[in-house]
Amino acid sequence: VSYETGVKLDFLDRKVTGTLSYFNATDKNRAVTDSSAFNINTRDINGNGPRDPGFDANNLAANTSRGDTVAVGEYNSRGLDGEIILSPGHGFQATVSATLVDAKVVDDPNPSLVGSRQGGFAKRNFGTVLSYRFPNGRLKGFMIGGGYRYTSDRYLSRVRQSASVVGSPFVDYWQPPAKTLAIFSKYVFKAGR
């Protein structure tokens, strides 16, 4: 279930254009792992599975797979997305963009997951691109430019630790903030008539 609303900007005979939008999306019946469930590969110390008579859920075999995928829980992402493009003329163009996202689990059979982020979501993204296109002469159609992008830290995954580890049974892995510089060129030409 998702909602999005926004505005488009157009000023000074299209020398300043852009968009600003708000979005809110909820992923219902999200596929999650229910640690209290047993899948078909779960075995107890006697080799019995969940469907076998005498299955002992309190004495699972070492390194057995516990948990099963169930369609429950909800994940919500909402935020602002904006972009401003300045085109003053003479081949110059500048673009500034930003995305701010609040994304997290809002309902899950495992209460410790509520409030956590799924892998790949960054809370903040900022970017800018400057370019120049040669309007005339021998370099007509040739464009050069550069840009910068900042992406905040991203949650990657949660991994279960060994049962012998003292403290939290899980380890969360994160990707640190990323800063990227880019330089590019493009040549547009017409082939034939």
N, C-alpha and C. Protein backbone atom coordinates (compact mmCIF):
# COMPACT_ATOMS: atom_id res chain seq x y z
N VAL A 1 0.86 -1.17 0.00
CA VAL A 1 0.00 0.00 0.00
C VAL A 1 0.90 1.22 0.00
N SER A 2 0.76 2.07 -1.02
CA SER A 2 1.67 3.22 -1.10
C SER A 2 0.91 4.47 -1.52
N TYR A 3 1.41 5.58 -1.03
CA TYR A 3 0.86 6.89 -1.36
C TYR A 3 2.02 7.81 -1.72
N GLU A 4 1.81 8.67 -2.68
CA GLU A 4 2.83 9.64 -3.05
C GLU A 4 2.15 10.90 -3.56
N THR A 5 2.67 12.03 -3.13
CA THR A 5 2.15 13.30 -3.61
C THR A 5 3.32 14.26 -3.76
N GLY A 6 3.18 15.20 -4.64
CA GLY A 6 4.30 16.13 -4.85
C GLY A 6 3.94 17.26 -5.77
N VAL A 7 4.94 18.09 -6.02
CA VAL A 7 4.77 19.24 -6.90
C VAL A 7 5.93 19.28 -7.88
N LYS A 8 5.65 19.86 -9.05
CA LYS A 8 6.69 20.11 -10.04
C LYS A 8 6.93 21.60 -10.11
N LEU A 9 8.19 21.99 -10.22
CA LEU A 9 8.57 23.40 -10.23
C LEU A 9 9.03 23.80 -11.63
N ASP A 10 8.64 24.99 -12.04
CA ASP A 10 9.06 25.50 -13.34
C ASP A 10 9.06 27.03 -13.26
N PHE A 11 10.27 27.62 -13.19
CA PHE A 11 10.41 29.06 -13.07
C PHE A 11 11.33 29.62 -14.15
N LEU A 12 11.19 30.89 -14.40
CA LEU A 12 12.11 31.64 -15.27
C LEU A 12 12.29 30.98 -16.63
N ASP A 13 11.15 30.67 -17.25
CA ASP A 13 11.16 30.08 -18.59
C ASP A 13 12.00 28.79 -18.62
N ARG A 14 11.75 27.92 -17.66
CA ARG A 14 12.40 26.61 -17.53
C ARG A 14 13.88 26.67 -17.21
N LYS A 15 14.33 27.81 -16.74
CA LYS A 15 15.73 27.89 -16.29
C LYS A 15 15.89 27.27 -14.90
N VAL A 16 14.80 27.18 -14.16
CA VAL A 16 14.78 26.50 -12.86
C VAL A 16 13.60 25.53 -12.86
N THR A 17 13.90 24.24 -12.80
CA THR A 17 12.85 23.22 -12.76
C THR A 17 13.17 22.24 -11.63
N GLY A 18 12.19 21.44 -11.30
CA GLY A 18 12.45 20.44 -10.26
C GLY A 18 11.19 19.77 -9.78
N THR A 19 11.37 18.90 -8.83
CA THR A 19 10.26 18.17 -8.21
C THR A 19 10.49 18.07 -6.71
N LEU A 20 9.41 17.97 -5.98
CA LEU A 20 9.45 17.72 -4.55
C LEU A 20 8.29 16.80 -4.23
N SER A 21 8.56 15.66 -3.61
CA SER A 21 7.48 14.71 -3.35
C SER A 21 7.64 14.07 -1.97
N TYR A 22 6.50 13.63 -1.44
CA TYR A 22 6.44 12.88 -0.19
C TYR A 22 5.86 11.51 -0.51
N PHE A 23 6.46 10.45 0.02
CA PHE A 23 5.96 9.10 -0.24
C PHE A 23 5.83 8.33 1.06
N ASN A 24 4.90 7.39 1.06
CA ASN A 24 4.65 6.53 2.22
C ASN A 24 4.21 5.17 1.69
N ALA A 25 5.03 4.15 1.89
CA ALA A 25 4.73 2.82 1.37
C ALA A 25 4.82 1.80 2.49
N THR A 26 3.81 0.94 2.60
CA THR A 26 3.79 -0.12 3.60
C THR A 26 3.71 -1.47 2.90
N ASP A 27 4.68 -2.30 3.18
CA ASP A 27 4.72 -3.66 2.63
C ASP A 27 4.06 -4.58 3.65
N LYS A 28 2.83 -5.00 3.37
CA LYS A 28 2.09 -5.87 4.29
C LYS A 28 2.30 -7.33 3.92
N ASN A 29 2.09 -8.21 4.89
CA ASN A 29 2.31 -9.65 4.71
C ASN A 29 3.72 -9.91 4.19
N ARG A 30 4.67 -9.21 4.80
CA ARG A 30 6.07 -9.33 4.40
C ARG A 30 6.60 -10.71 4.76
N ALA A 31 7.38 -11.29 3.85
CA ALA A 31 7.97 -12.60 4.11
C ALA A 31 9.10 -12.45 5.12
N VAL A 32 8.94 -13.07 6.27
CA VAL A 32 9.96 -13.00 7.33
C VAL A 32 10.22 -14.41 7.85
N THR A 33 11.30 -14.55 8.57
CA THR A 33 11.63 -15.83 9.19
C THR A 33 11.07 -15.86 10.60
N ASP A 34 10.21 -16.82 10.87
CA ASP A 34 9.64 -16.99 12.20
C ASP A 34 10.50 -18.03 12.93
N SER A 35 11.26 -17.58 13.91
CA SER A 35 12.19 -18.48 14.60
C SER A 35 11.47 -19.53 15.45
N SER A 36 10.18 -19.30 15.73
CA SER A 36 9.45 -20.28 16.53
C SER A 36 8.88 -21.41 15.67
N ALA A 37 8.98 -21.25 14.36
CA ALA A 37 8.45 -22.28 13.45
C ALA A 37 9.58 -23.25 13.07
N PHE A 38 9.20 -24.39 12.54
CA PHE A 38 10.18 -25.39 12.10
C PHE A 38 9.94 -25.65 10.62
N ASN A 39 11.03 -25.66 9.85
CA ASN A 39 10.86 -25.99 8.44
C ASN A 39 11.14 -27.47 8.22
N ILE A 40 10.99 -27.90 6.99
CA ILE A 40 11.05 -29.33 6.69
C ILE A 40 12.44 -29.92 6.92
N ASN A 41 13.48 -29.05 6.95
CA ASN A 41 14.85 -29.54 7.14
C ASN A 41 15.28 -29.60 8.61
N THR A 42 14.42 -29.13 9.52
CA THR A 42 14.76 -29.15 10.94
C THR A 42 14.78 -30.60 11.45
N ARG A 43 15.82 -30.92 12.21
CA ARG A 43 15.94 -32.28 12.76
C ARG A 43 16.31 -32.20 14.24
N ASP A 44 15.79 -33.17 15.03
CA ASP A 44 16.20 -33.24 16.43
C ASP A 44 17.41 -34.18 16.54
N ILE A 45 17.89 -34.42 17.75
CA ILE A 45 19.11 -35.21 17.92
C ILE A 45 18.93 -36.67 17.48
N ASN A 46 17.67 -37.12 17.33
CA ASN A 46 17.41 -38.49 16.87
C ASN A 46 17.15 -38.56 15.37
N GLY A 47 17.25 -37.40 14.69
CA GLY A 47 17.03 -37.39 13.24
C GLY A 47 15.59 -37.22 12.82
N ASN A 48 14.70 -37.00 13.78
CA ASN A 48 13.28 -36.83 13.46
C ASN A 48 13.01 -35.40 13.02
N GLY A 49 12.10 -35.25 12.05
CA GLY A 49 11.68 -33.93 11.59
C GLY A 49 10.38 -33.51 12.24
N PRO A 50 9.92 -32.27 12.00
CA PRO A 50 8.70 -31.76 12.64
C PRO A 50 7.46 -32.59 12.36
N ARG A 51 7.44 -33.33 11.25
CA ARG A 51 6.27 -34.13 10.89
C ARG A 51 6.37 -35.57 11.37
N ASP A 52 7.53 -35.91 11.96
CA ASP A 52 7.73 -37.28 12.42
C ASP A 52 7.22 -37.44 13.85
N PRO A 53 6.65 -38.63 14.16
CA PRO A 53 6.25 -38.87 15.55
C PRO A 53 7.48 -38.91 16.45
N GLY A 54 7.37 -38.33 17.64
CA GLY A 54 8.48 -38.32 18.58
C GLY A 54 9.45 -37.18 18.38
N PHE A 55 9.13 -36.24 17.48
CA PHE A 55 10.01 -35.09 17.25
C PHE A 55 10.17 -34.28 18.54
N ASP A 56 11.42 -34.03 18.95
CA ASP A 56 11.70 -33.33 20.20
C ASP A 56 12.22 -31.92 19.88
N ALA A 57 11.32 -30.93 19.97
CA ALA A 57 11.67 -29.56 19.63
C ALA A 57 12.67 -28.95 20.60
N ASN A 58 12.80 -29.54 21.79
CA ASN A 58 13.72 -29.00 22.79
C ASN A 58 15.13 -29.56 22.68
N ASN A 59 15.32 -30.55 21.82
CA ASN A 59 16.65 -31.15 21.63
C ASN A 59 16.95 -31.25 20.14
N LEU A 60 17.25 -30.09 19.54
CA LEU A 60 17.54 -30.07 18.11
C LEU A 60 18.97 -30.51 17.85
N ALA A 61 19.19 -31.08 16.66
CA ALA A 61 20.53 -31.49 16.27
C ALA A 61 21.42 -30.26 16.10
N ALA A 62 22.71 -30.46 16.31
CA ALA A 62 23.66 -29.36 16.15
C ALA A 62 23.61 -28.82 14.73
N ASN A 63 23.69 -27.50 14.60
CA ASN A 63 23.68 -26.81 13.30
C ASN A 63 22.42 -27.07 12.48
N THR A 64 21.35 -27.46 13.14
CA THR A 64 20.11 -27.67 12.39
C THR A 64 19.49 -26.34 12.01
N SER A 65 18.72 -26.34 10.94
CA SER A 65 18.07 -25.11 10.50
C SER A 65 16.73 -24.96 11.20
N ARG A 66 16.61 -23.92 11.98
CA ARG A 66 15.35 -23.67 12.67
C ARG A 66 14.73 -22.41 12.09
N GLY A 67 13.46 -22.32 12.13
CA GLY A 67 12.76 -21.16 11.58
C GLY A 67 12.22 -21.46 10.19
N ASP A 68 11.18 -20.77 9.84
CA ASP A 68 10.58 -20.96 8.53
C ASP A 68 10.06 -19.62 8.04
N THR A 69 9.92 -19.51 6.74
CA THR A 69 9.44 -18.27 6.15
C THR A 69 7.92 -18.20 6.22
N VAL A 70 7.42 -17.11 6.77
CA VAL A 70 5.98 -16.92 6.88
C VAL A 70 5.63 -15.52 6.36
N ALA A 71 4.43 -15.36 5.85
CA ALA A 71 4.00 -14.07 5.30
C ALA A 71 3.28 -13.28 6.38
N VAL A 72 4.05 -12.65 7.22
CA VAL A 72 3.48 -11.82 8.29
C VAL A 72 4.36 -10.59 8.42
N GLY A 73 3.91 -9.69 9.25
CA GLY A 73 4.72 -8.50 9.51
C GLY A 73 4.50 -7.39 8.49
N GLU A 74 4.99 -6.21 8.84
CA GLU A 74 4.86 -5.05 7.96
C GLU A 74 6.16 -4.26 7.98
N TYR A 75 6.45 -3.67 6.81
CA TYR A 75 7.62 -2.81 6.66
C TYR A 75 7.15 -1.51 6.04
N ASN A 76 7.55 -0.38 6.65
CA ASN A 76 7.10 0.92 6.17
C ASN A 76 8.30 1.79 5.80
N SER A 77 8.18 2.44 4.66
CA SER A 77 9.20 3.43 4.27
C SER A 77 8.48 4.70 3.84
N ARG A 78 8.94 5.81 4.39
CA ARG A 78 8.33 7.10 4.06
C ARG A 78 9.43 8.15 4.04
N GLY A 79 9.19 9.19 3.27
CA GLY A 79 10.22 10.21 3.22
C GLY A 79 9.96 11.27 2.17
N LEU A 80 10.99 12.06 1.94
CA LEU A 80 10.94 13.17 0.99
C LEU A 80 11.96 12.94 -0.11
N ASP A 81 11.59 13.30 -1.32
CA ASP A 81 12.49 13.17 -2.46
C ASP A 81 12.40 14.47 -3.26
N GLY A 82 13.54 15.09 -3.53
CA GLY A 82 13.51 16.36 -4.26
C GLY A 82 14.67 16.51 -5.21
N GLU A 83 14.45 17.32 -6.23
CA GLU A 83 15.48 17.58 -7.23
C GLU A 83 15.27 18.98 -7.81
N ILE A 84 16.34 19.73 -7.92
CA ILE A 84 16.31 21.06 -8.54
C ILE A 84 17.32 21.07 -9.69
N ILE A 85 16.88 21.53 -10.86
CA ILE A 85 17.75 21.60 -12.03
C ILE A 85 17.84 23.07 -12.46
N LEU A 86 19.06 23.57 -12.48
CA LEU A 86 19.32 24.94 -12.93
C LEU A 86 19.91 24.89 -14.33
N SER A 87 19.26 25.59 -15.27
CA SER A 87 19.73 25.64 -16.65
C SER A 87 19.83 27.10 -17.08
N PRO A 88 20.90 27.79 -16.69
CA PRO A 88 21.00 29.22 -16.98
C PRO A 88 21.23 29.54 -18.45
N GLY A 89 21.52 28.54 -19.25
CA GLY A 89 21.78 28.77 -20.67
C GLY A 89 23.25 28.59 -21.00
N HIS A 90 23.56 28.79 -22.29
CA HIS A 90 24.94 28.68 -22.77
C HIS A 90 25.52 27.29 -22.52
N GLY A 91 24.67 26.26 -22.41
CA GLY A 91 25.14 24.89 -22.27
C GLY A 91 25.39 24.41 -20.86
N PHE A 92 25.26 25.29 -19.87
CA PHE A 92 25.50 24.89 -18.48
C PHE A 92 24.24 24.30 -17.86
N GLN A 93 24.44 23.31 -16.98
CA GLN A 93 23.32 22.74 -16.22
C GLN A 93 23.85 22.23 -14.88
N ALA A 94 23.08 22.47 -13.82
CA ALA A 94 23.43 21.99 -12.49
C ALA A 94 22.21 21.30 -11.87
N THR A 95 22.42 20.14 -11.29
CA THR A 95 21.34 19.38 -10.66
C THR A 95 21.72 19.08 -9.22
N VAL A 96 20.79 19.35 -8.32
CA VAL A 96 20.96 19.02 -6.90
C VAL A 96 19.79 18.14 -6.49
N SER A 97 20.08 17.01 -5.85
CA SER A 97 19.01 16.09 -5.46
C SER A 97 19.23 15.61 -4.03
N ALA A 98 18.12 15.24 -3.39
CA ALA A 98 18.18 14.73 -2.03
C ALA A 98 17.01 13.77 -1.80
N THR A 99 17.29 12.70 -1.07
CA THR A 99 16.25 11.76 -0.65
C THR A 99 16.46 11.46 0.83
N LEU A 100 15.41 11.68 1.61
CA LEU A 100 15.43 11.40 3.05
C LEU A 100 14.39 10.32 3.33
N VAL A 101 14.82 9.20 3.89
CA VAL A 101 13.93 8.05 4.05
C VAL A 101 13.95 7.56 5.50
N ASP A 102 12.76 7.32 6.04
CA ASP A 102 12.62 6.64 7.32
C ASP A 102 12.00 5.28 7.01
N ALA A 103 12.81 4.23 6.99
CA ALA A 103 12.33 2.90 6.62
C ALA A 103 12.62 1.93 7.76
N LYS A 104 11.59 1.18 8.16
CA LYS A 104 11.79 0.27 9.29
C LYS A 104 10.66 -0.76 9.36
N VAL A 105 10.95 -1.81 10.09
CA VAL A 105 9.94 -2.84 10.39
C VAL A 105 8.98 -2.26 11.43
N VAL A 106 7.67 -2.34 11.16
CA VAL A 106 6.69 -1.81 12.10
C VAL A 106 5.88 -2.92 12.78
N ASP A 107 5.96 -4.13 12.25
CA ASP A 107 5.25 -5.25 12.87
C ASP A 107 5.98 -6.53 12.50
N ASP A 108 6.23 -7.40 13.47
CA ASP A 108 6.95 -8.65 13.21
C ASP A 108 6.71 -9.61 14.37
N PRO A 109 6.67 -10.93 14.11
CA PRO A 109 6.50 -11.88 15.21
C PRO A 109 7.64 -11.80 16.23
N ASN A 110 8.81 -11.34 15.77
CA ASN A 110 9.96 -11.17 16.65
C ASN A 110 10.03 -9.71 17.07
N PRO A 111 9.65 -9.38 18.31
CA PRO A 111 9.61 -7.97 18.73
C PRO A 111 10.96 -7.26 18.61
N SER A 112 12.07 -8.01 18.66
CA SER A 112 13.38 -7.35 18.58
C SER A 112 13.65 -6.78 17.20
N LEU A 113 12.89 -7.22 16.19
CA LEU A 113 13.09 -6.70 14.83
C LEU A 113 12.32 -5.42 14.56
N VAL A 114 11.31 -5.12 15.38
CA VAL A 114 10.52 -3.91 15.18
C VAL A 114 11.42 -2.68 15.34
N GLY A 115 11.37 -1.82 14.35
CA GLY A 115 12.23 -0.63 14.35
C GLY A 115 13.51 -0.81 13.58
N SER A 116 13.83 -2.03 13.15
CA SER A 116 15.07 -2.26 12.40
C SER A 116 14.85 -2.01 10.92
N ARG A 117 15.95 -1.83 10.19
CA ARG A 117 15.90 -1.57 8.76
C ARG A 117 16.21 -2.82 7.96
N GLN A 118 15.64 -2.90 6.77
CA GLN A 118 15.99 -3.98 5.86
C GLN A 118 17.30 -3.65 5.17
N GLY A 119 17.92 -4.66 4.60
CA GLY A 119 19.18 -4.46 3.91
C GLY A 119 19.04 -3.52 2.71
N GLY A 120 20.00 -2.62 2.57
CA GLY A 120 20.05 -1.75 1.40
C GLY A 120 19.47 -0.38 1.59
N PHE A 121 18.73 -0.14 2.68
CA PHE A 121 18.11 1.17 2.88
C PHE A 121 19.09 2.15 3.51
N ALA A 122 19.24 3.31 2.89
CA ALA A 122 20.04 4.40 3.46
C ALA A 122 19.08 5.52 3.84
N LYS A 123 19.31 6.13 4.99
CA LYS A 123 18.41 7.19 5.44
C LYS A 123 18.56 8.49 4.65
N ARG A 124 19.78 8.75 4.18
CA ARG A 124 20.02 10.02 3.50
C ARG A 124 20.84 9.81 2.24
N ASN A 125 20.41 10.45 1.15
CA ASN A 125 21.15 10.47 -0.11
C ASN A 125 21.17 11.90 -0.62
N PHE A 126 22.35 12.40 -0.93
CA PHE A 126 22.49 13.74 -1.50
C PHE A 126 23.38 13.64 -2.74
N GLY A 127 23.05 14.41 -3.74
CA GLY A 127 23.87 14.38 -4.95
C GLY A 127 23.82 15.69 -5.69
N THR A 128 24.88 15.96 -6.47
CA THR A 128 24.92 17.13 -7.32
C THR A 128 25.70 16.79 -8.59
N VAL A 129 25.25 17.33 -9.70
CA VAL A 129 25.91 17.10 -10.99
C VAL A 129 26.01 18.43 -11.71
N LEU A 130 27.20 18.74 -12.22
CA LEU A 130 27.43 19.93 -13.04
C LEU A 130 27.87 19.47 -14.42
N SER A 131 27.31 20.10 -15.46
CA SER A 131 27.68 19.69 -16.81
C SER A 131 27.69 20.89 -17.76
N TYR A 132 28.43 20.72 -18.84
CA TYR A 132 28.48 21.75 -19.89
C TYR A 132 28.43 21.06 -21.24
N ARG A 133 27.52 21.51 -22.08
CA ARG A 133 27.39 20.98 -23.44
C ARG A 133 27.80 22.07 -24.42
N PHE A 134 28.76 21.77 -25.29
CA PHE A 134 29.21 22.74 -26.28
C PHE A 134 28.11 22.95 -27.32
N PRO A 135 27.58 24.17 -27.42
CA PRO A 135 26.45 24.39 -28.32
C PRO A 135 26.84 24.60 -29.78
N ASN A 136 28.08 25.00 -30.04
CA ASN A 136 28.50 25.32 -31.40
C ASN A 136 29.94 24.90 -31.63
N GLY A 137 30.38 25.10 -32.85
CA GLY A 137 31.77 24.85 -33.20
C GLY A 137 32.07 23.38 -33.42
N ARG A 138 33.37 23.06 -33.45
CA ARG A 138 33.80 21.70 -33.72
C ARG A 138 33.38 20.72 -32.62
N LEU A 139 33.20 21.20 -31.41
CA LEU A 139 32.82 20.33 -30.30
C LEU A 139 31.31 20.28 -30.06
N LYS A 140 30.53 20.76 -31.01
CA LYS A 140 29.07 20.75 -30.85
C LYS A 140 28.59 19.31 -30.60
N GLY A 141 27.76 19.15 -29.58
CA GLY A 141 27.26 17.83 -29.21
C GLY A 141 28.09 17.13 -28.16
N PHE A 142 29.23 17.71 -27.80
CA PHE A 142 30.09 17.11 -26.79
C PHE A 142 29.76 17.69 -25.42
N MET A 143 29.63 16.83 -24.41
CA MET A 143 29.29 17.27 -23.06
C MET A 143 30.32 16.71 -22.07
N ILE A 144 30.70 17.54 -21.12
CA ILE A 144 31.56 17.10 -20.02
C ILE A 144 30.86 17.46 -18.71
N GLY A 145 31.19 16.72 -17.68
CA GLY A 145 30.56 17.01 -16.40
C GLY A 145 31.17 16.22 -15.27
N GLY A 146 30.70 16.51 -14.09
CA GLY A 146 31.16 15.82 -12.90
C GLY A 146 30.09 15.88 -11.82
N GLY A 147 30.25 15.05 -10.83
CA GLY A 147 29.25 15.03 -9.77
C GLY A 147 29.77 14.44 -8.49
N TYR A 148 28.97 14.60 -7.46
CA TYR A 148 29.30 14.10 -6.13
C TYR A 148 28.03 13.51 -5.52
N ARG A 149 28.18 12.36 -4.88
CA ARG A 149 27.03 11.74 -4.21
C ARG A 149 27.45 11.25 -2.83
N TYR A 150 26.57 11.52 -1.86
CA TYR A 150 26.76 11.03 -0.49
C TYR A 150 25.60 10.11 -0.14
N THR A 151 25.92 8.94 0.36
CA THR A 151 24.91 7.99 0.82
C THR A 151 25.24 7.61 2.26
N SER A 152 24.28 7.76 3.15
CA SER A 152 24.53 7.45 4.56
C SER A 152 24.67 5.94 4.75
N ASP A 153 25.02 5.53 5.96
CA ASP A 153 25.24 4.12 6.25
C ASP A 153 24.00 3.30 5.93
N ARG A 154 24.23 2.06 5.53
CA ARG A 154 23.13 1.17 5.15
C ARG A 154 23.21 -0.13 5.93
N TYR A 155 22.06 -0.56 6.41
CA TYR A 155 21.96 -1.85 7.09
C TYR A 155 22.06 -2.95 6.04
N LEU A 156 22.88 -3.96 6.28
CA LEU A 156 23.05 -5.03 5.30
C LEU A 156 22.33 -6.32 5.71
N SER A 157 22.65 -6.85 6.89
CA SER A 157 22.03 -8.12 7.27
C SER A 157 22.20 -8.38 8.76
N ARG A 158 21.43 -9.33 9.23
CA ARG A 158 21.53 -9.78 10.62
C ARG A 158 21.87 -11.26 10.59
N VAL A 159 22.94 -11.62 11.29
CA VAL A 159 23.42 -13.01 11.27
C VAL A 159 23.39 -13.56 12.68
N ARG A 160 22.87 -14.78 12.80
CA ARG A 160 22.82 -15.44 14.12
C ARG A 160 24.21 -15.92 14.51
N GLN A 161 24.62 -15.61 15.73
CA GLN A 161 25.91 -16.05 16.23
C GLN A 161 25.81 -17.48 16.77
N SER A 162 26.96 -18.03 17.09
CA SER A 162 27.01 -19.35 17.73
C SER A 162 26.31 -19.28 19.09
N ALA A 163 25.71 -20.37 19.48
CA ALA A 163 24.98 -20.41 20.76
C ALA A 163 25.92 -20.18 21.94
N SER A 164 27.23 -20.38 21.74
CA SER A 164 28.18 -20.23 22.84
C SER A 164 28.58 -18.77 23.08
N VAL A 165 28.16 -17.87 22.19
CA VAL A 165 28.53 -16.47 22.32
C VAL A 165 27.72 -15.84 23.45
N VAL A 166 28.41 -15.12 24.34
CA VAL A 166 27.73 -14.45 25.44
C VAL A 166 27.17 -13.13 24.95
N GLY A 167 25.95 -12.79 25.32
CA GLY A 167 25.34 -11.54 24.90
C GLY A 167 24.31 -11.76 23.81
N SER A 168 24.21 -10.80 22.89
CA SER A 168 23.21 -10.88 21.83
C SER A 168 23.47 -12.08 20.93
N PRO A 169 22.41 -12.84 20.57
CA PRO A 169 22.60 -13.98 19.67
C PRO A 169 22.78 -13.56 18.21
N PHE A 170 22.66 -12.25 17.91
CA PHE A 170 22.75 -11.78 16.54
C PHE A 170 23.86 -10.75 16.38
N VAL A 171 24.39 -10.65 15.18
CA VAL A 171 25.33 -9.60 14.81
C VAL A 171 24.74 -8.84 13.63
N ASP A 172 24.68 -7.52 13.73
CA ASP A 172 24.18 -6.69 12.63
C ASP A 172 25.36 -6.16 11.83
N TYR A 173 25.27 -6.27 10.51
CA TYR A 173 26.32 -5.79 9.63
C TYR A 173 25.83 -4.54 8.90
N TRP A 174 26.70 -3.53 8.83
CA TRP A 174 26.36 -2.25 8.22
C TRP A 174 27.39 -1.89 7.16
N GLN A 175 26.94 -1.17 6.16
CA GLN A 175 27.86 -0.58 5.18
C GLN A 175 28.05 0.87 5.57
N PRO A 176 29.28 1.33 5.72
CA PRO A 176 29.50 2.70 6.16
C PRO A 176 29.06 3.71 5.10
N PRO A 177 28.97 4.99 5.47
CA PRO A 177 28.59 6.02 4.49
C PRO A 177 29.52 5.99 3.28
N ALA A 178 28.97 6.30 2.12
CA ALA A 178 29.75 6.28 0.87
C ALA A 178 29.76 7.67 0.25
N LYS A 179 30.93 8.09 -0.18
CA LYS A 179 31.09 9.37 -0.89
C LYS A 179 31.69 9.05 -2.25
N THR A 180 31.02 9.49 -3.30
CA THR A 180 31.43 9.14 -4.65
C THR A 180 31.62 10.38 -5.50
N LEU A 181 32.76 10.44 -6.19
CA LEU A 181 33.01 11.49 -7.18
C LEU A 181 32.94 10.86 -8.56
N ALA A 182 32.33 11.55 -9.51
CA ALA A 182 32.20 11.02 -10.86
C ALA A 182 32.55 12.09 -11.89
N ILE A 183 33.22 11.68 -12.94
CA ILE A 183 33.52 12.54 -14.08
C ILE A 183 33.02 11.81 -15.32
N PHE A 184 32.34 12.52 -16.20
CA PHE A 184 31.78 11.85 -17.37
C PHE A 184 31.85 12.76 -18.59
N SER A 185 31.71 12.14 -19.72
CA SER A 185 31.62 12.88 -20.99
C SER A 185 30.64 12.15 -21.89
N LYS A 186 30.05 12.88 -22.79
CA LYS A 186 29.06 12.32 -23.71
C LYS A 186 29.14 13.07 -25.03
N TYR A 187 29.02 12.35 -26.11
CA TYR A 187 29.04 12.98 -27.43
C TYR A 187 27.82 12.54 -28.21
N VAL A 188 27.01 13.49 -28.61
CA VAL A 188 25.79 13.21 -29.38
C VAL A 188 26.02 13.66 -30.82
N PHE A 189 25.80 12.76 -31.75
CA PHE A 189 25.99 13.13 -33.15
C PHE A 189 24.87 12.53 -34.00
N LYS A 190 24.74 13.06 -35.17
CA LYS A 190 23.70 12.62 -36.09
C LYS A 190 24.35 11.85 -37.23
N ALA A 191 23.88 10.65 -37.47
CA ALA A 191 24.40 9.83 -38.55
C ALA A 191 23.50 9.95 -39.76
N GLY A 192 24.05 10.28 -40.88
CA GLY A 192 23.26 10.42 -42.09
C GLY A 192 22.47 11.71 -42.08
N ARG A 193 21.38 11.78 -42.82
CA ARG A 193 20.58 13.00 -42.92
C ARG A 193 19.66 13.16 -41.74
